[in-house]
């Protein structure tokens, strides 16, 4: 590829990041959210009611409502701080602590496909609405990175703590 194509590639990546960030901004209007920049990442959290999802079971998609008692959904968005694109393939693990420092849950936050905002997340139970501290561990991703210069990103494991106002409720709606 010609060297002058480099500017075009950078612009295309930045345009993807702008489009993704616009979707994230829309989500922030709807839900409680918090954000922190760490190393090569921008990590955003959103809290909403627990809701149903399709899951593959025996080769078919089946609608599942949240487990009994689950009353919250914590969404995690991890973006590249340079071009603002979503970072796929992460293995996120974390703890949620109440305002007294008591651990509520330790869990994985797997990838969740969403119609307008790809993210990681989990459903679980919190005792009440309010402020919580979310401690996340994000190992350096194992995926290959193209480009001798711009590909040198995401080299370190990241640990971050973010405070967020979490809400409760269940919205187990199903397919229409």
N, C-alpha and C. Protein backbone atom coordinates (compact mmCIF):
# COMPACT_ATOMS: atom_id res chain seq x y z
N UNK A 1 0.85 -1.17 0.00
CA UNK A 1 0.00 0.00 0.00
C UNK A 1 0.90 1.23 0.00
N UNK A 2 0.51 2.22 -0.73
CA UNK A 2 1.30 3.44 -0.82
C UNK A 2 1.29 4.18 0.51
N UNK A 3 2.41 4.85 0.79
CA UNK A 3 2.53 5.57 2.05
C UNK A 3 1.49 6.67 2.19
N UNK A 4 1.08 7.29 1.05
CA UNK A 4 0.08 8.36 1.15
C UNK A 4 -1.29 7.84 1.56
N UNK A 5 -1.51 6.54 1.45
CA UNK A 5 -2.77 5.97 1.91
C UNK A 5 -2.89 6.01 3.43
N UNK A 6 -1.78 6.23 4.11
CA UNK A 6 -1.78 6.22 5.57
C UNK A 6 -2.76 7.25 6.14
N UNK A 7 -2.78 8.46 5.59
CA UNK A 7 -3.70 9.48 6.09
C UNK A 7 -5.15 9.05 5.90
N UNK A 8 -5.43 8.41 4.77
CA UNK A 8 -6.80 7.95 4.53
C UNK A 8 -7.18 6.87 5.54
N UNK A 9 -6.26 5.94 5.82
CA UNK A 9 -6.55 4.88 6.80
C UNK A 9 -6.81 5.46 8.18
N UNK A 10 -6.02 6.44 8.57
CA UNK A 10 -6.22 7.08 9.87
C UNK A 10 -7.58 7.74 9.92
N UNK A 11 -7.96 8.45 8.85
CA UNK A 11 -9.26 9.13 8.82
C UNK A 11 -10.40 8.12 8.89
N UNK A 12 -10.29 7.01 8.16
CA UNK A 12 -11.34 5.99 8.20
C UNK A 12 -11.49 5.43 9.62
N UNK A 13 -10.38 5.16 10.29
CA UNK A 13 -10.45 4.66 11.67
C UNK A 13 -11.09 5.70 12.58
N UNK A 14 -10.70 6.97 12.42
CA UNK A 14 -11.28 8.03 13.25
C UNK A 14 -12.77 8.20 12.97
N UNK A 15 -13.18 8.05 11.71
CA UNK A 15 -14.61 8.14 11.38
C UNK A 15 -15.39 7.01 12.05
N UNK A 16 -14.81 5.80 12.08
CA UNK A 16 -15.46 4.69 12.79
C UNK A 16 -15.61 5.04 14.27
N UNK A 17 -14.55 5.60 14.85
CA UNK A 17 -14.59 5.98 16.25
C UNK A 17 -15.62 7.06 16.54
N UNK A 18 -15.76 8.01 15.63
CA UNK A 18 -16.77 9.07 15.80
C UNK A 18 -18.18 8.49 15.78
N UNK A 19 -18.43 7.57 14.84
CA UNK A 19 -19.75 6.95 14.75
C UNK A 19 -20.05 6.14 16.01
N UNK A 20 -19.08 5.37 16.48
CA UNK A 20 -19.28 4.58 17.69
C UNK A 20 -19.49 5.49 18.90
N UNK A 21 -18.71 6.57 18.98
CA UNK A 21 -18.84 7.51 20.10
C UNK A 21 -20.20 8.20 20.09
N UNK A 22 -20.77 8.44 18.90
CA UNK A 22 -22.11 9.03 18.82
C UNK A 22 -23.14 8.08 19.42
N UNK A 23 -23.01 6.79 19.15
CA UNK A 23 -23.92 5.80 19.74
C UNK A 23 -23.73 5.75 21.25
N UNK A 24 -22.48 5.82 21.70
CA UNK A 24 -22.20 5.82 23.14
C UNK A 24 -22.80 7.06 23.81
N UNK A 25 -22.67 8.21 23.17
CA UNK A 25 -23.26 9.44 23.72
C UNK A 25 -24.77 9.32 23.85
N UNK A 26 -25.42 8.67 22.89
CA UNK A 26 -26.86 8.46 22.96
C UNK A 26 -27.21 7.57 24.15
N UNK A 27 -26.44 6.50 24.35
CA UNK A 27 -26.67 5.62 25.49
C UNK A 27 -26.50 6.39 26.80
N UNK A 28 -25.50 7.28 26.85
CA UNK A 28 -25.26 8.05 28.07
C UNK A 28 -26.45 8.94 28.43
N UNK A 29 -27.21 9.38 27.42
CA UNK A 29 -28.41 10.19 27.67
C UNK A 29 -29.49 9.37 28.37
N UNK A 30 -29.49 8.06 28.15
CA UNK A 30 -30.55 7.20 28.68
C UNK A 30 -30.22 6.59 30.04
N UNK A 31 -28.94 6.33 30.30
CA UNK A 31 -28.55 5.56 31.48
C UNK A 31 -27.53 6.29 32.33
N UNK A 32 -27.46 5.90 33.62
CA UNK A 32 -26.38 6.40 34.48
C UNK A 32 -25.06 5.93 33.88
N UNK A 33 -24.06 6.78 33.92
CA UNK A 33 -22.79 6.41 33.30
C UNK A 33 -21.61 7.05 34.03
N UNK A 34 -20.44 6.49 33.78
CA UNK A 34 -19.17 7.02 34.31
C UNK A 34 -18.08 6.62 33.33
N UNK A 35 -16.97 7.36 33.36
CA UNK A 35 -15.92 7.10 32.37
C UNK A 35 -14.56 7.46 32.94
N UNK A 36 -13.54 6.70 32.51
CA UNK A 36 -12.17 6.98 32.95
C UNK A 36 -11.21 6.58 31.84
N UNK A 37 -10.15 7.37 31.66
CA UNK A 37 -9.10 7.05 30.69
C UNK A 37 -7.93 6.43 31.43
N UNK A 38 -7.45 5.28 30.92
CA UNK A 38 -6.32 4.57 31.52
C UNK A 38 -5.45 4.04 30.38
N UNK A 39 -4.17 4.41 30.40
CA UNK A 39 -3.22 3.97 29.38
C UNK A 39 -3.80 4.21 27.98
N UNK A 40 -3.92 3.15 27.16
CA UNK A 40 -4.41 3.29 25.79
C UNK A 40 -5.93 3.20 25.68
N UNK A 41 -6.62 3.17 26.80
CA UNK A 41 -8.05 2.89 26.81
C UNK A 41 -8.89 4.06 27.34
N UNK A 42 -10.13 4.13 26.85
CA UNK A 42 -11.18 4.92 27.49
C UNK A 42 -12.23 3.90 27.92
N UNK A 43 -12.48 3.83 29.22
CA UNK A 43 -13.40 2.83 29.77
C UNK A 43 -14.65 3.54 30.26
N UNK A 44 -15.79 3.15 29.69
CA UNK A 44 -17.08 3.75 30.04
C UNK A 44 -17.97 2.69 30.66
N UNK A 45 -18.71 3.08 31.68
CA UNK A 45 -19.68 2.20 32.33
C UNK A 45 -21.06 2.80 32.18
N UNK A 46 -22.06 1.94 32.11
CA UNK A 46 -23.46 2.37 32.14
C UNK A 46 -24.24 1.37 32.98
N UNK A 47 -25.20 1.89 33.72
CA UNK A 47 -26.04 1.04 34.57
C UNK A 47 -27.48 1.17 34.12
N UNK A 48 -28.13 0.02 33.98
CA UNK A 48 -29.55 0.03 33.63
C UNK A 48 -30.23 -1.18 34.25
N UNK A 49 -31.54 -1.26 34.07
CA UNK A 49 -32.29 -2.40 34.59
C UNK A 49 -31.84 -3.69 33.91
N UNK A 50 -31.98 -4.80 34.61
CA UNK A 50 -31.70 -6.11 34.01
C UNK A 50 -32.73 -6.35 32.91
N UNK A 51 -32.27 -6.88 31.79
CA UNK A 51 -33.17 -7.09 30.66
C UNK A 51 -32.86 -8.43 29.99
N UNK A 52 -33.80 -8.90 29.20
CA UNK A 52 -33.63 -10.18 28.53
C UNK A 52 -32.68 -10.11 27.35
N UNK A 53 -32.19 -11.29 26.95
CA UNK A 53 -31.30 -11.40 25.78
C UNK A 53 -31.56 -12.72 25.06
N UNK A 54 -31.24 -12.74 23.77
CA UNK A 54 -31.19 -14.00 23.04
C UNK A 54 -29.89 -14.70 23.37
N UNK A 55 -29.97 -16.03 23.52
CA UNK A 55 -28.77 -16.84 23.74
C UNK A 55 -28.88 -18.09 22.88
N UNK A 56 -27.76 -18.51 22.34
CA UNK A 56 -27.73 -19.70 21.51
C UNK A 56 -27.80 -20.95 22.39
N UNK A 57 -28.84 -21.76 22.16
CA UNK A 57 -29.02 -23.00 22.92
C UNK A 57 -29.42 -24.09 21.95
N UNK A 58 -28.64 -25.16 21.92
CA UNK A 58 -28.88 -26.28 21.00
C UNK A 58 -28.99 -25.81 19.56
N UNK A 59 -28.14 -24.88 19.18
CA UNK A 59 -28.09 -24.41 17.80
C UNK A 59 -29.18 -23.43 17.41
N UNK A 60 -29.99 -22.98 18.36
CA UNK A 60 -31.07 -22.02 18.06
C UNK A 60 -31.04 -20.89 19.07
N UNK A 61 -31.44 -19.71 18.60
CA UNK A 61 -31.54 -18.57 19.51
C UNK A 61 -32.79 -18.70 20.36
N UNK A 62 -32.62 -18.55 21.66
CA UNK A 62 -33.75 -18.62 22.60
C UNK A 62 -33.74 -17.36 23.45
N UNK A 63 -34.91 -16.77 23.64
CA UNK A 63 -35.03 -15.57 24.47
C UNK A 63 -34.99 -15.98 25.93
N UNK A 64 -34.12 -15.35 26.70
CA UNK A 64 -34.00 -15.63 28.13
C UNK A 64 -34.16 -14.35 28.93
N UNK A 65 -34.94 -14.42 29.97
CA UNK A 65 -35.06 -13.28 30.88
C UNK A 65 -33.95 -13.39 31.92
N UNK A 66 -33.63 -12.29 32.59
CA UNK A 66 -32.56 -12.34 33.60
C UNK A 66 -32.91 -13.35 34.70
N UNK A 67 -31.86 -13.94 35.27
CA UNK A 67 -32.08 -14.88 36.37
C UNK A 67 -32.92 -14.24 37.46
N UNK A 68 -33.68 -15.06 38.15
CA UNK A 68 -34.53 -14.59 39.25
C UNK A 68 -33.68 -13.80 40.25
N UNK A 69 -34.14 -12.62 40.61
CA UNK A 69 -33.43 -11.78 41.58
C UNK A 69 -32.46 -10.79 40.95
N UNK A 70 -32.01 -11.06 39.72
CA UNK A 70 -31.11 -10.10 39.08
C UNK A 70 -31.88 -8.81 38.81
N UNK A 71 -31.30 -7.69 39.21
CA UNK A 71 -32.02 -6.42 39.11
C UNK A 71 -31.19 -5.29 38.48
N UNK A 72 -30.03 -5.62 37.91
CA UNK A 72 -29.24 -4.58 37.27
C UNK A 72 -28.41 -5.17 36.14
N UNK A 73 -28.05 -4.30 35.22
CA UNK A 73 -27.18 -4.67 34.10
C UNK A 73 -26.08 -3.62 34.03
N UNK A 74 -24.84 -4.06 34.17
CA UNK A 74 -23.70 -3.15 34.06
C UNK A 74 -23.07 -3.35 32.70
N UNK A 75 -23.06 -2.28 31.91
CA UNK A 75 -22.45 -2.29 30.58
C UNK A 75 -21.07 -1.67 30.66
N UNK A 76 -20.13 -2.26 29.93
CA UNK A 76 -18.75 -1.75 29.90
C UNK A 76 -18.35 -1.57 28.44
N UNK A 77 -17.91 -0.37 28.13
CA UNK A 77 -17.41 -0.05 26.79
C UNK A 77 -15.93 0.28 26.94
N UNK A 78 -15.10 -0.38 26.14
CA UNK A 78 -13.67 -0.09 26.15
C UNK A 78 -13.29 0.37 24.74
N UNK A 79 -12.78 1.61 24.68
CA UNK A 79 -12.40 2.20 23.38
C UNK A 79 -10.91 2.52 23.34
N UNK A 80 -10.40 2.55 22.14
CA UNK A 80 -9.03 3.00 21.86
C UNK A 80 -8.99 4.51 22.09
N UNK A 81 -8.11 4.98 22.95
CA UNK A 81 -8.09 6.42 23.26
C UNK A 81 -7.63 7.26 22.06
N UNK A 82 -6.97 6.63 21.08
CA UNK A 82 -6.46 7.39 19.93
C UNK A 82 -7.55 7.65 18.89
N UNK A 83 -8.29 6.62 18.51
CA UNK A 83 -9.29 6.79 17.45
C UNK A 83 -10.72 6.55 17.92
N UNK A 84 -10.89 6.20 19.19
CA UNK A 84 -12.20 6.04 19.85
C UNK A 84 -13.00 4.82 19.39
N UNK A 85 -12.35 3.88 18.68
CA UNK A 85 -13.07 2.68 18.25
C UNK A 85 -13.22 1.69 19.40
N UNK A 86 -14.29 0.88 19.34
CA UNK A 86 -14.53 -0.21 20.29
C UNK A 86 -13.41 -1.23 20.17
N UNK A 87 -12.95 -1.76 21.30
CA UNK A 87 -11.89 -2.77 21.29
C UNK A 87 -12.52 -4.14 21.54
N UNK A 88 -12.50 -5.01 20.54
CA UNK A 88 -13.10 -6.34 20.68
C UNK A 88 -12.14 -7.33 21.34
N UNK A 89 -12.68 -8.48 21.71
CA UNK A 89 -11.85 -9.60 22.14
C UNK A 89 -11.22 -9.48 23.51
N UNK A 90 -11.75 -8.62 24.37
CA UNK A 90 -11.17 -8.46 25.70
C UNK A 90 -11.76 -9.49 26.67
N UNK A 91 -10.98 -9.84 27.68
CA UNK A 91 -11.43 -10.76 28.72
C UNK A 91 -11.49 -9.96 30.02
N UNK A 92 -12.62 -9.36 30.28
CA UNK A 92 -12.76 -8.44 31.41
C UNK A 92 -13.31 -9.19 32.62
N UNK A 93 -12.67 -8.96 33.75
CA UNK A 93 -13.13 -9.51 35.03
C UNK A 93 -13.21 -8.36 36.02
N UNK A 94 -14.17 -8.41 36.93
CA UNK A 94 -14.26 -7.30 37.85
C UNK A 94 -15.05 -7.61 39.10
N UNK A 95 -14.99 -6.65 40.01
CA UNK A 95 -15.74 -6.70 41.27
C UNK A 95 -16.59 -5.45 41.37
N UNK A 96 -17.74 -5.60 42.00
CA UNK A 96 -18.60 -4.46 42.32
C UNK A 96 -18.67 -4.37 43.83
N UNK A 97 -18.32 -3.19 44.36
CA UNK A 97 -18.31 -2.95 45.81
C UNK A 97 -19.34 -1.88 46.15
N UNK A 98 -20.02 -2.05 47.29
CA UNK A 98 -20.96 -1.01 47.71
C UNK A 98 -20.19 0.19 48.28
N UNK A 99 -20.92 1.20 48.74
CA UNK A 99 -20.27 2.43 49.21
C UNK A 99 -19.52 2.25 50.53
N UNK A 100 -19.67 1.08 51.16
CA UNK A 100 -18.91 0.76 52.37
C UNK A 100 -17.70 -0.14 52.07
N UNK A 101 -17.51 -0.48 50.80
CA UNK A 101 -16.40 -1.33 50.40
C UNK A 101 -16.70 -2.82 50.44
N UNK A 102 -17.96 -3.19 50.72
CA UNK A 102 -18.34 -4.60 50.77
C UNK A 102 -18.52 -5.12 49.34
N UNK A 103 -17.90 -6.28 49.07
CA UNK A 103 -18.02 -6.87 47.74
C UNK A 103 -19.43 -7.40 47.51
N UNK A 104 -20.04 -6.98 46.42
CA UNK A 104 -21.37 -7.44 46.03
C UNK A 104 -21.26 -8.63 45.10
N UNK A 105 -20.33 -8.54 44.15
CA UNK A 105 -20.13 -9.63 43.19
C UNK A 105 -18.75 -9.53 42.57
N UNK A 106 -18.20 -10.67 42.22
CA UNK A 106 -17.01 -10.76 41.37
C UNK A 106 -17.42 -11.60 40.17
N UNK A 107 -17.20 -11.11 38.97
CA UNK A 107 -17.71 -11.80 37.79
C UNK A 107 -16.92 -11.45 36.54
N UNK A 108 -17.13 -12.24 35.50
CA UNK A 108 -16.63 -11.91 34.17
C UNK A 108 -17.64 -11.00 33.50
N UNK A 109 -17.16 -10.18 32.60
CA UNK A 109 -18.01 -9.30 31.81
C UNK A 109 -17.80 -9.65 30.34
N UNK A 110 -18.56 -10.63 29.83
CA UNK A 110 -18.37 -11.08 28.44
C UNK A 110 -18.90 -10.06 27.43
N UNK A 111 -18.53 -10.28 26.18
CA UNK A 111 -19.02 -9.45 25.08
C UNK A 111 -20.52 -9.65 24.91
N UNK A 112 -21.23 -8.56 24.67
CA UNK A 112 -22.67 -8.61 24.38
C UNK A 112 -22.92 -7.86 23.08
N UNK A 113 -23.50 -8.55 22.11
CA UNK A 113 -23.89 -7.89 20.88
C UNK A 113 -25.11 -7.04 21.19
N UNK A 114 -25.15 -5.84 20.65
CA UNK A 114 -26.26 -4.92 20.87
C UNK A 114 -26.57 -4.26 19.54
N UNK A 115 -27.84 -3.96 19.26
CA UNK A 115 -28.18 -3.41 17.94
C UNK A 115 -27.50 -2.09 17.58
N UNK A 116 -27.12 -1.29 18.59
CA UNK A 116 -26.43 -0.04 18.22
C UNK A 116 -25.17 0.24 19.02
N UNK A 117 -24.88 -0.55 20.06
CA UNK A 117 -23.69 -0.27 20.86
C UNK A 117 -23.07 -1.58 21.37
N UNK A 118 -22.09 -2.09 20.65
CA UNK A 118 -21.37 -3.28 21.12
C UNK A 118 -20.76 -2.96 22.47
N UNK A 119 -20.82 -3.92 23.41
CA UNK A 119 -20.25 -3.68 24.73
C UNK A 119 -20.00 -5.01 25.44
N UNK A 120 -19.39 -4.91 26.60
CA UNK A 120 -19.21 -6.03 27.51
C UNK A 120 -20.20 -5.79 28.65
N UNK A 121 -20.57 -6.84 29.38
CA UNK A 121 -21.49 -6.59 30.47
C UNK A 121 -21.89 -7.84 31.22
N UNK A 122 -22.66 -7.60 32.29
CA UNK A 122 -23.16 -8.70 33.11
C UNK A 122 -24.43 -8.26 33.82
N UNK A 123 -25.25 -9.24 34.15
CA UNK A 123 -26.47 -9.05 34.93
C UNK A 123 -26.21 -9.62 36.31
N UNK A 124 -26.69 -8.94 37.34
CA UNK A 124 -26.52 -9.45 38.71
C UNK A 124 -27.46 -8.70 39.63
N UNK A 125 -27.36 -8.98 40.92
CA UNK A 125 -28.23 -8.35 41.92
C UNK A 125 -27.42 -7.40 42.79
N UNK A 126 -27.97 -6.20 42.98
CA UNK A 126 -27.42 -5.26 43.96
C UNK A 126 -28.51 -5.03 45.01
N UNK A 127 -28.12 -4.74 46.27
CA UNK A 127 -29.11 -4.61 47.33
C UNK A 127 -30.01 -3.38 47.19
N UNK A 128 -29.49 -2.31 46.58
CA UNK A 128 -30.29 -1.08 46.44
C UNK A 128 -29.63 -0.18 45.40
N UNK A 129 -30.39 0.78 44.90
CA UNK A 129 -29.82 1.78 44.01
C UNK A 129 -28.84 2.64 44.79
N UNK A 130 -27.83 3.16 44.11
CA UNK A 130 -26.88 4.03 44.78
C UNK A 130 -25.50 3.95 44.16
N UNK A 131 -24.54 4.53 44.88
CA UNK A 131 -23.16 4.57 44.39
C UNK A 131 -22.45 3.24 44.66
N UNK A 132 -21.74 2.78 43.64
CA UNK A 132 -20.95 1.56 43.73
C UNK A 132 -19.59 1.82 43.09
N UNK A 133 -18.59 1.09 43.55
CA UNK A 133 -17.27 1.14 42.94
C UNK A 133 -17.07 -0.14 42.14
N UNK A 134 -16.68 0.03 40.89
CA UNK A 134 -16.44 -1.10 40.00
C UNK A 134 -14.94 -1.20 39.78
N UNK A 135 -14.36 -2.34 40.17
CA UNK A 135 -12.93 -2.59 39.98
C UNK A 135 -12.78 -3.58 38.83
N UNK A 136 -12.11 -3.15 37.77
CA UNK A 136 -11.98 -3.98 36.58
C UNK A 136 -10.53 -4.38 36.34
N UNK A 137 -10.36 -5.59 35.87
CA UNK A 137 -9.06 -6.09 35.40
C UNK A 137 -9.23 -6.42 33.92
N UNK A 138 -8.40 -5.79 33.10
CA UNK A 138 -8.46 -6.02 31.65
C UNK A 138 -7.07 -6.45 31.20
N UNK A 139 -6.87 -7.75 30.98
CA UNK A 139 -5.56 -8.20 30.50
C UNK A 139 -5.29 -7.65 29.10
N UNK A 140 -4.01 -7.46 28.79
CA UNK A 140 -3.64 -7.03 27.44
C UNK A 140 -4.25 -8.02 26.45
N UNK A 141 -4.92 -7.54 25.41
CA UNK A 141 -5.56 -8.45 24.47
C UNK A 141 -4.54 -9.30 23.71
N UNK A 142 -4.97 -10.50 23.36
CA UNK A 142 -4.10 -11.45 22.67
C UNK A 142 -4.15 -11.30 21.16
N UNK A 143 -5.08 -10.51 20.63
CA UNK A 143 -5.21 -10.41 19.17
C UNK A 143 -3.99 -9.74 18.55
N UNK A 144 -3.74 -10.08 17.28
CA UNK A 144 -2.64 -9.49 16.52
C UNK A 144 -2.98 -8.05 16.17
N UNK A 145 -1.95 -7.22 15.99
CA UNK A 145 -2.16 -5.81 15.67
C UNK A 145 -1.39 -5.49 14.38
N UNK A 146 -2.11 -4.99 13.37
CA UNK A 146 -1.46 -4.55 12.13
C UNK A 146 -0.76 -3.22 12.35
N UNK A 147 0.13 -2.88 11.48
CA UNK A 147 0.81 -1.58 11.39
C UNK A 147 1.97 -1.49 12.37
N UNK A 148 3.15 -1.28 11.82
CA UNK A 148 4.37 -1.26 12.62
C UNK A 148 4.40 -0.14 13.65
N UNK A 149 3.68 0.95 13.39
CA UNK A 149 3.70 2.10 14.31
C UNK A 149 2.41 2.17 15.12
N UNK A 150 1.28 2.31 14.43
CA UNK A 150 0.01 2.48 15.13
C UNK A 150 -0.46 1.21 15.83
N UNK A 151 0.07 0.06 15.42
CA UNK A 151 -0.33 -1.21 16.03
C UNK A 151 0.30 -1.47 17.39
N UNK A 152 1.22 -0.64 17.80
CA UNK A 152 1.90 -0.84 19.09
C UNK A 152 1.06 -0.21 20.21
N UNK A 153 -0.05 -0.86 20.50
CA UNK A 153 -1.01 -0.39 21.51
C UNK A 153 -1.47 -1.58 22.36
N UNK A 154 -2.06 -1.25 23.49
CA UNK A 154 -2.69 -2.25 24.36
C UNK A 154 -1.69 -3.31 24.83
N UNK A 155 -0.50 -2.88 25.23
CA UNK A 155 0.57 -3.80 25.64
C UNK A 155 0.45 -4.26 27.08
N UNK A 156 -0.21 -3.47 27.93
CA UNK A 156 -0.20 -3.75 29.37
C UNK A 156 -1.57 -4.19 29.86
N UNK A 157 -1.53 -5.02 30.91
CA UNK A 157 -2.76 -5.30 31.64
C UNK A 157 -3.19 -4.00 32.32
N UNK A 158 -4.49 -3.81 32.45
CA UNK A 158 -5.01 -2.59 33.05
C UNK A 158 -5.91 -2.94 34.23
N UNK A 159 -5.74 -2.21 35.31
CA UNK A 159 -6.66 -2.29 36.46
C UNK A 159 -7.18 -0.89 36.70
N UNK A 160 -8.49 -0.79 36.89
CA UNK A 160 -9.10 0.52 37.07
C UNK A 160 -10.26 0.40 38.05
N UNK A 161 -10.51 1.47 38.78
CA UNK A 161 -11.68 1.54 39.66
C UNK A 161 -12.49 2.76 39.24
N UNK A 162 -13.79 2.55 39.03
CA UNK A 162 -14.68 3.62 38.59
C UNK A 162 -15.92 3.61 39.47
N UNK A 163 -16.29 4.78 39.96
CA UNK A 163 -17.53 4.90 40.75
C UNK A 163 -18.68 5.21 39.81
N UNK A 164 -19.82 4.55 40.05
CA UNK A 164 -21.00 4.78 39.23
C UNK A 164 -22.25 4.68 40.08
N UNK A 165 -23.23 5.47 39.76
CA UNK A 165 -24.56 5.41 40.37
C UNK A 165 -25.32 4.30 39.64
N UNK A 166 -25.65 3.21 40.37
CA UNK A 166 -26.32 2.08 39.74
C UNK A 166 -27.80 2.09 40.04
N UNK A 167 -28.58 1.67 39.05
CA UNK A 167 -30.02 1.60 39.21
C UNK A 167 -30.48 0.15 39.27
N UNK A 168 -31.68 -0.04 39.78
CA UNK A 168 -32.25 -1.39 39.88
C UNK A 168 -33.53 -1.46 39.09
N UNK A 169 -33.93 -2.68 38.82
CA UNK A 169 -35.18 -2.94 38.12
C UNK A 169 -35.01 -4.10 37.16
N UNK A 170 -36.13 -4.53 36.63
CA UNK A 170 -36.12 -5.62 35.65
C UNK A 170 -36.96 -5.20 34.47
N UNK A 171 -36.41 -5.41 33.31
CA UNK A 171 -37.14 -5.14 32.07
C UNK A 171 -36.99 -6.38 31.20
N UNK A 172 -37.68 -7.46 31.59
CA UNK A 172 -37.45 -8.74 30.92
C UNK A 172 -38.20 -8.89 29.60
N UNK A 173 -38.54 -7.76 28.99
CA UNK A 173 -39.31 -7.78 27.75
C UNK A 173 -38.80 -8.85 26.80
N UNK A 174 -39.65 -9.28 25.92
CA UNK A 174 -39.27 -10.32 24.97
C UNK A 174 -39.54 -9.91 23.55
N UNK A 175 -39.33 -10.83 22.64
CA UNK A 175 -39.55 -10.52 21.23
C UNK A 175 -41.02 -10.18 20.99
N UNK A 176 -41.23 -9.25 20.12
CA UNK A 176 -42.61 -8.82 19.82
C UNK A 176 -43.29 -9.85 18.94
